[in-house]
Amino acid sequence: MLFDKFGRQHTYLRISLTDNCNLRCFYCMPEEEYAFAAHAKLMQPDEILAIAKTFVSQGITKIRLTGGEPFVRKDAALILAGLATLPVELTCTTNGVRVDALLPVIKAANFSSINISLDTLNTEKFHKITGRNLFDRVWSNIGLLLESGITCKLNVVVMKGLNDNEIIDFVALTEKWPLEVRFIEFMPFSGNKWTNNQVFTLREIKDAIQKSYTIHEQVGSIHDTAKHFHIAGHRGSFAVISTMSEPFCAGCNRIRLTADGKLKNCLFSTHETDLLTAYRQGQPILPLIQANIEAKAFALGGQLATDFTQIDADKLQNRSMITIGG
C-alpha cells in the first residue's frame, strides 16, 4: 500500500498520455507554438500498462487518463484496451473534440465517466479561450456520451471577467441533463499569467448561484476534490473544486504520472521521480514510487501559501499545466 508520512493512503493515479493538444487554452498551453515531447520520450503503451500494474499491485483502485489531450495519441485505442484489463475504475479527462472518433473504444473500455473540459457555452468565447472554432463539435460529443449512457461531467475553470457571468447558464443545464458541472478555481502554473484577482472563489460561485436557486450541499468523501451540491428537481448536479480558497489536501489520495514517466505526488510539487528511465533500464520502480509518496508535503506541494492572495506566481517552481496532466 502507498502511504505518505501523514498516513494518507494513495489509491488514485492520474496518467498523462501526452503533452500534445488540439486546442490552445491560454491557461494550460500559453503559447501557440509549442515544443511537444518527442514520441520516443513518452511512455509507450506496454510501458504504461506495466507501470500501471505496479501501482495497482499497491492498492491503486482508480486511474484517470489525462493530457494534454489524451485522445490525440494515435495509439490511444491500444492504451485504453490495455488499461481496461486492470481491476480499476477507469476514467478520463478530455476536451471532447475526438470523443466521436473514439466512442466505440471508450465503450469497450467501460469507462465509469468522462470529464469534458468546457469553459464557456458561447461559441465566440470558446474560440477566444481555446484558439479553435470547435464548440459545436464538443457540444455534439457531450450529447453522444449522454446518449450512450456514459456519465459525463463538465469541467469549467472560472475566471473573473471571462466566464463568471456564465455560471447560472451552466447550472441551468443540470435541470434537464444528467450532467455534473464542476466549477474549478483558476490555479497558477508556469507561464499561465495567473493573478489572484482572477480567482472566482467557492463562496463567490455559491453566492452567484443562490441568487437564482436554492442549493443543497451533499455529503462527500474525505478524498473528494470537489464540494458537491444539487438543486431540487434537477436531473444533474454541480460541484466546486476550491483549490485556491479552501484547499482539500488533508484527505488527498491522488498521485500523477506525467507523459514522460515522471511521478509527481502533488499537482504543485517541485520534486519529480523519473520512473520511465528506471523502468527502461530494468531497475525496480516500486522503491522509487514509495520514496516519492513518503516525501509528499502535507498541502499544496509545500510551496503555495494557503492564503491564495499571498501567492507570488512568478516564484513557483512547476511545469506548465499541459506537461503535468489535468
C-alpha atoms as a PDB file:
ATOM      1  CA  MET A   1       0.000   0.000   0.000  1.00  0.00           C
ATOM      2  CA  LEU A   2       1.126   3.537  -0.751  1.00  0.00           C
ATOM      3  CA  PHE A   3       1.141   5.747   2.346  1.00  0.00           C
ATOM      4  CA  ASP A   4       2.783   9.112   2.908  1.00  0.00           C
ATOM      5  CA  LYS A   5       4.285  10.267   6.196  1.00  0.00           C
ATOM      6  CA  PHE A   6       0.921  11.757   7.188  1.00  0.00           C
ATOM      7  CA  GLY A   7      -0.798   8.377   6.963  1.00  0.00           C
ATOM      8  CA  ARG A   8      -2.710   9.140   3.761  1.00  0.00           C
ATOM      9  CA  GLN A   9      -3.206   6.091   1.547  1.00  0.00           C
ATOM     10  CA  HIS A  10      -2.970   6.780  -2.174  1.00  0.00           C
ATOM     11  CA  THR A  11      -5.470   4.890  -4.303  1.00  0.00           C
ATOM     12  CA  TYR A  12      -6.000   7.236  -7.265  1.00  0.00           C
ATOM     13  CA  LEU A  13      -3.497   7.538 -10.129  1.00  0.00           C
ATOM     14  CA  ARG A  14      -3.757  10.133 -12.890  1.00  0.00           C
ATOM     15  CA  ILE A  15      -1.768   9.179 -16.005  1.00  0.00           C
ATOM     16  CA  SER A  16      -0.992  11.784 -18.646  1.00  0.00           C
ATOM     17  CA  LEU A  17      -0.699  10.222 -22.096  1.00  0.00           C
ATOM     18  CA  THR A  18       0.759  13.223 -23.932  1.00  0.00           C
ATOM     19  CA  ASP A  19       1.638  16.898 -23.633  1.00  0.00           C
ATOM     20  CA  ASN A  20       0.103  17.475 -27.070  1.00  0.00           C
ATOM     21  CA  CYS A  21      -3.305  19.035 -27.604  1.00  0.00           C
ATOM     22  CA  ASN A  22      -5.584  20.094 -30.447  1.00  0.00           C
ATOM     23  CA  LEU A  23      -6.717  23.209 -28.537  1.00  0.00           C
ATOM     24  CA  ARG A  24      -4.682  26.149 -27.216  1.00  0.00           C
ATOM     25  CA  CYS A  25      -6.350  27.204 -23.961  1.00  0.00           C
ATOM     26  CA  PHE A  26      -4.300  30.119 -22.653  1.00  0.00           C
ATOM     27  CA  TYR A  27      -4.232  28.962 -19.022  1.00  0.00           C
ATOM     28  CA  CYS A  28      -2.954  25.492 -19.939  1.00  0.00           C
ATOM     29  CA  MET A  29      -0.836  25.954 -23.079  1.00  0.00           C
ATOM     30  CA  PRO A  30       0.085  29.642 -23.111  1.00  0.00           C
ATOM     31  CA  GLU A  31       1.997  29.648 -26.408  1.00  0.00           C
ATOM     32  CA  GLU A  32       0.580  28.788 -29.830  1.00  0.00           C
ATOM     33  CA  GLU A  33       3.916  27.330 -30.923  1.00  0.00           C
ATOM     34  CA  TYR A  34       4.902  24.623 -28.503  1.00  0.00           C
ATOM     35  CA  ALA A  35       7.779  22.114 -28.468  1.00  0.00           C
ATOM     36  CA  PHE A  36       5.994  18.848 -27.749  1.00  0.00           C
ATOM     37  CA  ALA A  37       7.928  15.932 -26.318  1.00  0.00           C
ATOM     38  CA  ALA A  38       9.262  13.502 -28.895  1.00  0.00           C
ATOM     39  CA  HIS A  39       7.189  10.320 -29.099  1.00  0.00           C
ATOM     40  CA  ALA A  40      10.171   8.194 -28.020  1.00  0.00           C
ATOM     41  CA  LYS A  41      10.393  10.153 -24.762  1.00  0.00           C
ATOM     42  CA  LEU A  42       6.784   9.379 -23.898  1.00  0.00           C
ATOM     43  CA  MET A  43       5.672   6.228 -22.143  1.00  0.00           C
ATOM     44  CA  GLN A  44       4.728   3.623 -24.758  1.00  0.00           C
ATOM     45  CA  PRO A  45       1.556   1.513 -24.448  1.00  0.00           C
ATOM     46  CA  ASP A  46       3.349  -1.519 -22.979  1.00  0.00           C
ATOM     47  CA  GLU A  47       5.244   0.728 -20.560  1.00  0.00           C
ATOM     48  CA  ILE A  48       2.079   2.499 -19.420  1.00  0.00           C
ATOM     49  CA  LEU A  49       0.419  -0.837 -18.730  1.00  0.00           C
ATOM     50  CA  ALA A  50       3.418  -2.311 -16.916  1.00  0.00           C
ATOM     51  CA  ILE A  51       3.939   0.752 -14.717  1.00  0.00           C
ATOM     52  CA  ALA A  52       0.199   0.951 -14.023  1.00  0.00           C
ATOM     53  CA  LYS A  53       0.236  -2.703 -12.938  1.00  0.00           C
ATOM     54  CA  THR A  54       2.879  -1.867 -10.338  1.00  0.00           C
ATOM     55  CA  PHE A  55       0.641   0.858  -8.914  1.00  0.00           C
ATOM     56  CA  VAL A  56      -2.418  -1.416  -8.941  1.00  0.00           C
ATOM     57  CA  SER A  57      -0.470  -4.072  -7.039  1.00  0.00           C
ATOM     58  CA  GLN A  58      -0.010  -1.441  -4.319  1.00  0.00           C
ATOM     59  CA  GLY A  59      -3.660  -0.574  -3.904  1.00  0.00           C
ATOM     60  CA  ILE A  60      -4.471   1.848  -6.715  1.00  0.00           C
ATOM     61  CA  THR A  61      -8.182   1.415  -7.460  1.00  0.00           C
ATOM     62  CA  LYS A  62      -8.854   4.303  -9.844  1.00  0.00           C
ATOM     63  CA  ILE A  63      -6.960   5.510 -12.922  1.00  0.00           C
ATOM     64  CA  ARG A  64      -7.758   8.715 -14.785  1.00  0.00           C
ATOM     65  CA  LEU A  65      -6.235   9.399 -18.198  1.00  0.00           C
ATOM     66  CA  THR A  66      -5.286  12.986 -18.950  1.00  0.00           C
ATOM     67  CA  GLY A  67      -3.116  15.008 -21.305  1.00  0.00           C
ATOM     68  CA  GLY A  68      -2.591  17.435 -22.925  1.00  0.00           C
ATOM     69  CA  GLU A  69      -5.413  15.864 -24.792  1.00  0.00           C
ATOM     70  CA  PRO A  70      -5.210  12.084 -24.278  1.00  0.00           C
ATOM     71  CA  PHE A  71      -7.238  11.227 -27.363  1.00  0.00           C
ATOM     72  CA  VAL A  72      -4.811  12.867 -29.819  1.00  0.00           C
ATOM     73  CA  ARG A  73      -2.384   9.982 -29.372  1.00  0.00           C
ATOM     74  CA  LYS A  74      -2.555   7.704 -32.406  1.00  0.00           C
ATOM     75  CA  ASP A  75      -2.189   4.678 -30.139  1.00  0.00           C
ATOM     76  CA  ALA A  76      -4.850   5.843 -27.672  1.00  0.00           C
ATOM     77  CA  ALA A  77      -7.097   2.889 -28.503  1.00  0.00           C
ATOM     78  CA  LEU A  78      -4.299   0.432 -27.711  1.00  0.00           C
ATOM     79  CA  ILE A  79      -3.560   2.169 -24.398  1.00  0.00           C
ATOM     80  CA  LEU A  80      -7.226   2.164 -23.403  1.00  0.00           C
ATOM     81  CA  ALA A  81      -7.602  -1.506 -24.266  1.00  0.00           C
ATOM     82  CA  GLY A  82      -4.621  -2.419 -22.108  1.00  0.00           C
ATOM     83  CA  LEU A  83      -5.688  -0.430 -19.064  1.00  0.00           C
ATOM     84  CA  ALA A  84      -9.218  -1.793 -19.349  1.00  0.00           C
ATOM     85  CA  THR A  85      -7.844  -5.215 -18.367  1.00  0.00           C
ATOM     86  CA  LEU A  86      -6.846  -3.929 -14.926  1.00  0.00           C
ATOM     87  CA  PRO A  87      -9.145  -4.253 -11.876  1.00  0.00           C
ATOM     88  CA  VAL A  88      -9.620  -0.499 -11.513  1.00  0.00           C
ATOM     89  CA  GLU A  89     -12.190   2.202 -12.123  1.00  0.00           C
ATOM     90  CA  LEU A  90     -11.110   3.763 -15.419  1.00  0.00           C
ATOM     91  CA  THR A  91     -11.974   7.323 -16.350  1.00  0.00           C
ATOM     92  CA  CYS A  92     -10.674  10.196 -18.427  1.00  0.00           C
ATOM     93  CA  THR A  93     -10.493  13.970 -18.789  1.00  0.00           C
ATOM     94  CA  THR A  94     -10.695  15.225 -22.367  1.00  0.00           C
ATOM     95  CA  ASN A  95     -11.545  18.385 -24.275  1.00  0.00           C
ATOM     96  CA  GLY A  96     -14.180  16.361 -26.113  1.00  0.00           C
ATOM     97  CA  VAL A  97     -13.041  17.089 -29.656  1.00  0.00           C
ATOM     98  CA  ARG A  98     -12.264  13.445 -30.572  1.00  0.00           C
ATOM     99  CA  VAL A  99     -14.890  11.675 -28.482  1.00  0.00           C
ATOM    100  CA  ASP A 100     -16.924  10.811 -31.583  1.00  0.00           C
ATOM    101  CA  ALA A 101     -13.900   9.181 -33.244  1.00  0.00           C
ATOM    102  CA  LEU A 102     -13.094   7.070 -30.182  1.00  0.00           C
ATOM    103  CA  LEU A 103     -16.582   6.372 -28.836  1.00  0.00           C
ATOM    104  CA  PRO A 104     -16.509   2.625 -29.684  1.00  0.00           C
ATOM    105  CA  VAL A 105     -13.177   2.308 -27.855  1.00  0.00           C
ATOM    106  CA  ILE A 106     -14.494   4.301 -24.895  1.00  0.00           C
ATOM    107  CA  LYS A 107     -17.497   1.998 -24.647  1.00  0.00           C
ATOM    108  CA  ALA A 108     -15.356  -1.128 -24.930  1.00  0.00           C
ATOM    109  CA  ALA A 109     -13.047   0.111 -22.160  1.00  0.00           C
ATOM    110  CA  ASN A 110     -16.076   0.506 -19.870  1.00  0.00           C
ATOM    111  CA  PHE A 111     -15.194   3.972 -18.605  1.00  0.00           C
ATOM    112  CA  SER A 112     -17.004   4.871 -15.391  1.00  0.00           C
ATOM    113  CA  SER A 113     -17.250   8.501 -16.521  1.00  0.00           C
ATOM    114  CA  ILE A 114     -15.787  11.089 -18.869  1.00  0.00           C
ATOM    115  CA  ASN A 115     -14.894  14.633 -17.823  1.00  0.00           C
ATOM    116  CA  ILE A 116     -15.171  17.226 -20.603  1.00  0.00           C
ATOM    117  CA  SER A 117     -13.257  20.485 -20.202  1.00  0.00           C
ATOM    118  CA  LEU A 118     -15.613  23.253 -21.317  1.00  0.00           C
ATOM    119  CA  ASP A 119     -15.218  26.790 -20.000  1.00  0.00           C
ATOM    120  CA  THR A 120     -17.987  28.527 -21.933  1.00  0.00           C
ATOM    121  CA  LEU A 121     -21.283  27.890 -23.687  1.00  0.00           C
ATOM    122  CA  ASN A 122     -20.642  30.774 -26.081  1.00  0.00           C
ATOM    123  CA  THR A 123     -19.197  29.858 -29.481  1.00  0.00           C
ATOM    124  CA  GLU A 124     -17.191  33.057 -29.907  1.00  0.00           C
ATOM    125  CA  LYS A 125     -15.809  32.923 -26.374  1.00  0.00           C
ATOM    126  CA  PHE A 126     -14.880  29.263 -26.870  1.00  0.00           C
ATOM    127  CA  HIS A 127     -12.803  30.344 -29.868  1.00  0.00           C
ATOM    128  CA  LYS A 128     -11.180  33.081 -27.781  1.00  0.00           C
ATOM    129  CA  ILE A 129     -10.290  30.722 -24.924  1.00  0.00           C
ATOM    130  CA  THR A 130      -9.167  27.716 -26.971  1.00  0.00           C
ATOM    131  CA  GLY A 131      -7.900  29.318 -30.165  1.00  0.00           C
ATOM    132  CA  ARG A 132     -10.059  26.906 -32.164  1.00  0.00           C
ATOM    133  CA  ASN A 133     -13.582  27.100 -33.589  1.00  0.00           C
ATOM    134  CA  LEU A 134     -14.738  23.680 -32.364  1.00  0.00           C
ATOM    135  CA  PHE A 135     -17.523  24.397 -29.878  1.00  0.00           C
ATOM    136  CA  ASP A 136     -20.247  22.728 -31.953  1.00  0.00           C
ATOM    137  CA  ARG A 137     -18.268  19.501 -32.237  1.00  0.00           C
ATOM    138  CA  VAL A 138     -17.561  19.386 -28.495  1.00  0.00           C
ATOM    139  CA  TRP A 139     -21.198  20.083 -27.652  1.00  0.00           C
ATOM    140  CA  SER A 140     -22.355  17.383 -30.054  1.00  0.00           C
ATOM    141  CA  ASN A 141     -19.936  14.905 -28.467  1.00  0.00           C
ATOM    142  CA  ILE A 142     -21.294  15.637 -24.996  1.00  0.00           C
ATOM    143  CA  GLY A 143     -24.679  14.630 -26.367  1.00  0.00           C
ATOM    144  CA  LEU A 144     -23.178  11.430 -27.793  1.00  0.00           C
ATOM    145  CA  LEU A 145     -21.795  10.451 -24.391  1.00  0.00           C
ATOM    146  CA  LEU A 146     -25.125  11.041 -22.682  1.00  0.00           C
ATOM    147  CA  GLU A 147     -26.994   9.111 -25.380  1.00  0.00           C
ATOM    148  CA  SER A 148     -24.546   6.244 -24.830  1.00  0.00           C
ATOM    149  CA  GLY A 149     -25.317   6.162 -21.120  1.00  0.00           C
ATOM    150  CA  ILE A 150     -21.827   7.319 -20.121  1.00  0.00           C
ATOM    151  CA  THR A 151     -21.679   9.579 -17.076  1.00  0.00           C
ATOM    152  CA  CYS A 152     -20.491  12.998 -18.222  1.00  0.00           C
ATOM    153  CA  LYS A 153     -19.020  15.798 -16.125  1.00  0.00           C
ATOM    154  CA  LEU A 154     -18.192  19.292 -17.369  1.00  0.00           C
ATOM    155  CA  ASN A 155     -15.009  20.891 -16.012  1.00  0.00           C
ATOM    156  CA  VAL A 156     -15.368  24.678 -16.010  1.00  0.00           C
ATOM    157  CA  VAL A 157     -12.373  26.813 -15.000  1.00  0.00           C
ATOM    158  CA  VAL A 158     -13.989  30.015 -13.730  1.00  0.00           C
ATOM    159  CA  MET A 159     -12.127  33.313 -14.183  1.00  0.00           C
ATOM    160  CA  LYS A 160     -13.323  36.752 -13.191  1.00  0.00           C
ATOM    161  CA  GLY A 161     -14.214  38.898 -16.144  1.00  0.00           C
ATOM    162  CA  LEU A 162     -14.065  35.997 -18.591  1.00  0.00           C
ATOM    163  CA  ASN A 163     -16.784  33.459 -17.852  1.00  0.00           C
ATOM    164  CA  ASP A 164     -18.060  34.121 -14.312  1.00  0.00           C
ATOM    165  CA  ASN A 165     -21.185  35.571 -15.948  1.00  0.00           C
ATOM    166  CA  GLU A 166     -21.999  32.096 -17.360  1.00  0.00           C
ATOM    167  CA  ILE A 167     -22.217  30.251 -14.033  1.00  0.00           C
ATOM    168  CA  ILE A 168     -26.017  30.328 -13.996  1.00  0.00           C
ATOM    169  CA  ASP A 169     -26.136  29.162 -17.625  1.00  0.00           C
ATOM    170  CA  PHE A 170     -24.062  26.123 -16.721  1.00  0.00           C
ATOM    171  CA  VAL A 171     -26.163  25.339 -13.656  1.00  0.00           C
ATOM    172  CA  ALA A 172     -29.313  25.615 -15.780  1.00  0.00           C
ATOM    173  CA  LEU A 173     -28.042  22.688 -17.873  1.00  0.00           C
ATOM    174  CA  THR A 174     -28.431  20.394 -14.880  1.00  0.00           C
ATOM    175  CA  GLU A 175     -32.195  20.839 -14.813  1.00  0.00           C
ATOM    176  CA  LYS A 176     -32.853  18.617 -17.820  1.00  0.00           C
ATOM    177  CA  TRP A 177     -29.465  16.978 -18.410  1.00  0.00           C
ATOM    178  CA  PRO A 178     -27.913  14.330 -16.119  1.00  0.00           C
ATOM    179  CA  LEU A 179     -24.649  16.274 -16.020  1.00  0.00           C
ATOM    180  CA  GLU A 180     -22.362  17.213 -13.166  1.00  0.00           C
ATOM    181  CA  VAL A 181     -20.959  20.689 -13.753  1.00  0.00           C
ATOM    182  CA  ARG A 182     -17.665  21.110 -11.898  1.00  0.00           C
ATOM    183  CA  PHE A 183     -16.589  24.724 -11.371  1.00  0.00           C
ATOM    184  CA  ILE A 184     -12.828  24.954 -10.856  1.00  0.00           C
ATOM    185  CA  GLU A 185     -10.983  27.859  -9.271  1.00  0.00           C
ATOM    186  CA  PHE A 186      -8.240  29.253 -11.535  1.00  0.00           C
ATOM    187  CA  MET A 187      -4.840  27.864 -10.452  1.00  0.00           C
ATOM    188  CA  PRO A 188      -1.269  29.084 -11.074  1.00  0.00           C
ATOM    189  CA  PHE A 189       1.118  27.174 -13.335  1.00  0.00           C
ATOM    190  CA  SER A 190       4.241  28.059 -15.241  1.00  0.00           C
ATOM    191  CA  GLY A 191       3.509  30.581 -17.974  1.00  0.00           C
ATOM    192  CA  ASN A 192      -0.271  30.916 -17.496  1.00  0.00           C
ATOM    193  CA  LYS A 193      -0.104  34.528 -16.234  1.00  0.00           C
ATOM    194  CA  TRP A 194      -2.122  33.743 -13.111  1.00  0.00           C
ATOM    195  CA  THR A 195      -3.003  36.567 -10.743  1.00  0.00           C
ATOM    196  CA  ASN A 196      -5.039  36.236  -7.568  1.00  0.00           C
ATOM    197  CA  ASN A 197      -7.627  38.787  -8.706  1.00  0.00           C
ATOM    198  CA  GLN A 198      -8.705  36.386 -11.466  1.00  0.00           C
ATOM    199  CA  VAL A 199      -9.770  33.727  -8.953  1.00  0.00           C
ATOM    200  CA  PHE A 200     -13.536  33.342  -8.584  1.00  0.00           C
ATOM    201  CA  THR A 201     -13.873  31.531  -5.280  1.00  0.00           C
ATOM    202  CA  LEU A 202     -16.155  28.832  -3.923  1.00  0.00           C
ATOM    203  CA  ARG A 203     -18.004  31.426  -1.858  1.00  0.00           C
ATOM    204  CA  GLU A 204     -18.476  33.708  -4.870  1.00  0.00           C
ATOM    205  CA  ILE A 205     -19.696  30.829  -7.020  1.00  0.00           C
ATOM    206  CA  LYS A 206     -22.223  29.768  -4.377  1.00  0.00           C
ATOM    207  CA  ASP A 207     -23.379  33.359  -3.902  1.00  0.00           C
ATOM    208  CA  ALA A 208     -23.917  33.762  -7.653  1.00  0.00           C
ATOM    209  CA  ILE A 209     -25.960  30.562  -7.885  1.00  0.00           C
ATOM    210  CA  GLN A 210     -28.035  31.282  -4.791  1.00  0.00           C
ATOM    211  CA  LYS A 211     -29.375  34.432  -6.423  1.00  0.00           C
ATOM    212  CA  SER A 212     -31.352  32.146  -8.739  1.00  0.00           C
ATOM    213  CA  TYR A 213     -31.590  28.775  -6.976  1.00  0.00           C
ATOM    214  CA  THR A 214     -31.871  27.171  -3.565  1.00  0.00           C
ATOM    215  CA  ILE A 215     -28.915  24.830  -3.343  1.00  0.00           C
ATOM    216  CA  HIS A 216     -28.328  21.830  -1.093  1.00  0.00           C
ATOM    217  CA  GLU A 217     -24.862  20.606  -0.162  1.00  0.00           C
ATOM    218  CA  GLN A 218     -24.240  16.880  -0.465  1.00  0.00           C
ATOM    219  CA  VAL A 219     -22.153  14.864   1.964  1.00  0.00           C
ATOM    220  CA  GLY A 220     -18.938  13.800   0.285  1.00  0.00           C
ATOM    221  CA  SER A 221     -15.956  11.553   0.863  1.00  0.00           C
ATOM    222  CA  ILE A 222     -12.792  12.609   2.669  1.00  0.00           C
ATOM    223  CA  HIS A 223     -10.994  12.076  -0.633  1.00  0.00           C
ATOM    224  CA  ASP A 224     -13.234  14.390  -2.681  1.00  0.00           C
ATOM    225  CA  THR A 225     -11.554  17.227  -4.532  1.00  0.00           C
ATOM    226  CA  ALA A 226     -14.955  18.837  -5.089  1.00  0.00           C
ATOM    227  CA  LYS A 227     -17.712  20.086  -2.826  1.00  0.00           C
ATOM    228  CA  HIS A 228     -20.981  18.766  -4.253  1.00  0.00           C
ATOM    229  CA  PHE A 229     -24.372  20.474  -4.478  1.00  0.00           C
ATOM    230  CA  HIS A 230     -27.767  19.789  -6.000  1.00  0.00           C
ATOM    231  CA  ILE A 231     -30.950  21.680  -6.747  1.00  0.00           C
ATOM    232  CA  ALA A 232     -34.320  20.082  -6.051  1.00  0.00           C
ATOM    233  CA  GLY A 233     -35.945  18.802  -9.238  1.00  0.00           C
ATOM    234  CA  HIS A 234     -32.758  18.892 -11.325  1.00  0.00           C
ATOM    235  CA  ARG A 235     -31.552  15.714 -13.031  1.00  0.00           C
ATOM    236  CA  GLY A 236     -27.937  16.760 -12.714  1.00  0.00           C
ATOM    237  CA  SER A 237     -25.820  18.477 -10.071  1.00  0.00           C
ATOM    238  CA  PHE A 238     -22.899  20.846  -9.679  1.00  0.00           C
ATOM    239  CA  ALA A 239     -19.694  20.934  -7.686  1.00  0.00           C
ATOM    240  CA  VAL A 240     -16.851  23.317  -6.911  1.00  0.00           C
ATOM    241  CA  ILE A 241     -13.140  22.472  -6.814  1.00  0.00           C
ATOM    242  CA  SER A 242     -11.832  25.079  -4.382  1.00  0.00           C
ATOM    243  CA  THR A 243      -8.063  24.527  -4.608  1.00  0.00           C
ATOM    244  CA  MET A 244      -7.268  28.195  -4.052  1.00  0.00           C
ATOM    245  CA  SER A 245      -9.776  29.389  -1.459  1.00  0.00           C
ATOM    246  CA  GLU A 246     -10.468  26.190   0.504  1.00  0.00           C
ATOM    247  CA  PRO A 247      -7.819  23.523  -0.195  1.00  0.00           C
ATOM    248  CA  PHE A 248      -8.764  19.904   0.396  1.00  0.00           C
ATOM    249  CA  CYS A 249      -5.299  18.429   0.946  1.00  0.00           C
ATOM    250  CA  ALA A 250      -5.973  16.674   4.252  1.00  0.00           C
ATOM    251  CA  GLY A 251      -7.701  13.746   2.555  1.00  0.00           C
ATOM    252  CA  CYS A 252      -5.588  13.633  -0.609  1.00  0.00           C
ATOM    253  CA  ASN A 253      -5.245  10.175  -2.162  1.00  0.00           C
ATOM    254  CA  ARG A 254      -4.026  11.254  -5.623  1.00  0.00           C
ATOM    255  CA  ILE A 255      -0.718  10.975  -7.455  1.00  0.00           C
ATOM    256  CA  ARG A 256       0.239  11.924 -11.002  1.00  0.00           C
ATOM    257  CA  LEU A 257       2.342  10.269 -13.677  1.00  0.00           C
ATOM    258  CA  THR A 258       3.410  12.624 -16.464  1.00  0.00           C
ATOM    259  CA  ALA A 259       3.503  11.559 -20.092  1.00  0.00           C
ATOM    260  CA  ASP A 260       7.296  11.304 -19.934  1.00  0.00           C
ATOM    261  CA  GLY A 261       7.113   8.970 -16.965  1.00  0.00           C
ATOM    262  CA  LYS A 262       7.790  11.320 -14.048  1.00  0.00           C
ATOM    263  CA  LEU A 263       5.892  10.754 -10.791  1.00  0.00           C
ATOM    264  CA  LYS A 264       4.509  13.849  -9.043  1.00  0.00           C
ATOM    265  CA  ASN A 265       2.977  13.341  -5.618  1.00  0.00           C
ATOM    266  CA  CYS A 266       1.071  16.647  -5.884  1.00  0.00           C
ATOM    267  CA  LEU A 267      -0.093  18.918  -8.671  1.00  0.00           C
ATOM    268  CA  PHE A 268       2.126  21.645  -7.197  1.00  0.00           C
ATOM    269  CA  SER A 269       5.098  19.543  -6.090  1.00  0.00           C
ATOM    270  CA  THR A 270       8.559  20.742  -7.064  1.00  0.00           C
ATOM    271  CA  HIS A 271      10.040  17.247  -6.965  1.00  0.00           C
ATOM    272  CA  GLU A 272       9.545  14.541  -9.601  1.00  0.00           C
ATOM    273  CA  THR A 273      10.756  10.944  -9.725  1.00  0.00           C
ATOM    274  CA  ASP A 274      11.771   9.501 -13.096  1.00  0.00           C
ATOM    275  CA  LEU A 275      10.059   6.119 -13.265  1.00  0.00           C
ATOM    276  CA  LEU A 276      10.311   5.665 -17.031  1.00  0.00           C
ATOM    277  CA  THR A 277      14.107   5.818 -17.233  1.00  0.00           C
ATOM    278  CA  ALA A 278      14.412   3.396 -14.327  1.00  0.00           C
ATOM    279  CA  TYR A 279      11.905   1.029 -15.925  1.00  0.00           C
ATOM    280  CA  ARG A 280      13.720   1.115 -19.277  1.00  0.00           C
ATOM    281  CA  GLN A 281      16.983   0.330 -17.510  1.00  0.00           C
ATOM    282  CA  GLY A 282      15.434  -2.689 -15.817  1.00  0.00           C
ATOM    283  CA  GLN A 283      15.537  -1.178 -12.339  1.00  0.00           C
ATOM    284  CA  PRO A 284      12.759  -1.854  -9.796  1.00  0.00           C
ATOM    285  CA  ILE A 285      10.410   1.132  -9.706  1.00  0.00           C
ATOM    286  CA  LEU A 286       8.419   0.304  -6.566  1.00  0.00           C
ATOM    287  CA  PRO A 287      11.089   1.672  -4.168  1.00  0.00           C
ATOM    288  CA  LEU A 288      11.124   4.897  -6.203  1.00  0.00           C
ATOM    289  CA  ILE A 289       7.341   5.164  -6.001  1.00  0.00           C
ATOM    290  CA  GLN A 290       7.319   4.545  -2.270  1.00  0.00           C
ATOM    291  CA  ALA A 291      10.039   7.125  -1.604  1.00  0.00           C
ATOM    292  CA  ASN A 292       8.267   9.733  -3.715  1.00  0.00           C
ATOM    293  CA  ILE A 293       4.972   9.331  -1.884  1.00  0.00           C
ATOM    294  CA  GLU A 294       6.653   9.162   1.517  1.00  0.00           C
ATOM    295  CA  ALA A 295       8.168  12.604   0.805  1.00  0.00           C
ATOM    296  CA  LYS A 296       4.825  14.234  -0.065  1.00  0.00           C
ATOM    297  CA  ALA A 297       4.178  17.603   1.581  1.00  0.00           C
ATOM    298  CA  PHE A 298       1.005  17.983   3.602  1.00  0.00           C
ATOM    299  CA  ALA A 299      -0.546  20.653   1.401  1.00  0.00           C
ATOM    300  CA  LEU A 300      -0.187  22.364  -1.979  1.00  0.00           C
ATOM    301  CA  GLY A 301       3.165  20.833  -2.819  1.00  0.00           C
ATOM    302  CA  GLY A 302       4.756  22.585   0.138  1.00  0.00           C
ATOM    303  CA  GLN A 303       5.206  25.748  -1.914  1.00  0.00           C
ATOM    304  CA  LEU A 304       1.839  27.531  -2.190  1.00  0.00           C
ATOM    305  CA  ALA A 305       0.503  29.775   0.541  1.00  0.00           C
ATOM    306  CA  THR A 306      -2.826  28.570   1.922  1.00  0.00           C
ATOM    307  CA  ASP A 307      -3.997  32.183   1.512  1.00  0.00           C
ATOM    308  CA  PHE A 308      -4.091  32.423  -2.278  1.00  0.00           C
ATOM    309  CA  THR A 309      -3.960  36.238  -2.155  1.00  0.00           C
ATOM    310  CA  GLN A 310      -0.381  35.896  -0.872  1.00  0.00           C
ATOM    311  CA  ILE A 311       0.846  33.656  -3.706  1.00  0.00           C
ATOM    312  CA  ASP A 312       3.575  35.076  -5.964  1.00  0.00           C
ATOM    313  CA  ALA A 313       3.107  33.099  -9.174  1.00  0.00           C
ATOM    314  CA  ASP A 314       6.489  34.203 -10.535  1.00  0.00           C
ATOM    315  CA  LYS A 315       8.246  32.319  -7.739  1.00  0.00           C
ATOM    316  CA  LEU A 316       6.511  28.985  -8.308  1.00  0.00           C
ATOM    317  CA  GLN A 317       8.632  26.012  -9.331  1.00  0.00           C
ATOM    318  CA  ASN A 318       6.476  23.829 -11.541  1.00  0.00           C
ATOM    319  CA  ARG A 319       5.704  22.795 -15.082  1.00  0.00           C
ATOM    320  CA  SER A 320       3.006  24.234 -17.290  1.00  0.00           C
ATOM    321  CA  MET A 321      -0.335  22.502 -16.801  1.00  0.00           C
ATOM    322  CA  ILE A 322      -0.154  20.696 -20.144  1.00  0.00           C
ATOM    323  CA  THR A 323       3.117  18.985 -19.236  1.00  0.00           C
ATOM    324  CA  ILE A 324       1.773  17.807 -15.877  1.00  0.00           C
ATOM    325  CA  GLY A 325      -1.577  16.427 -16.947  1.00  0.00           C
ATOM    326  CA  GLY A 326      -5.002  17.668 -15.882  1.00  0.00           C
END
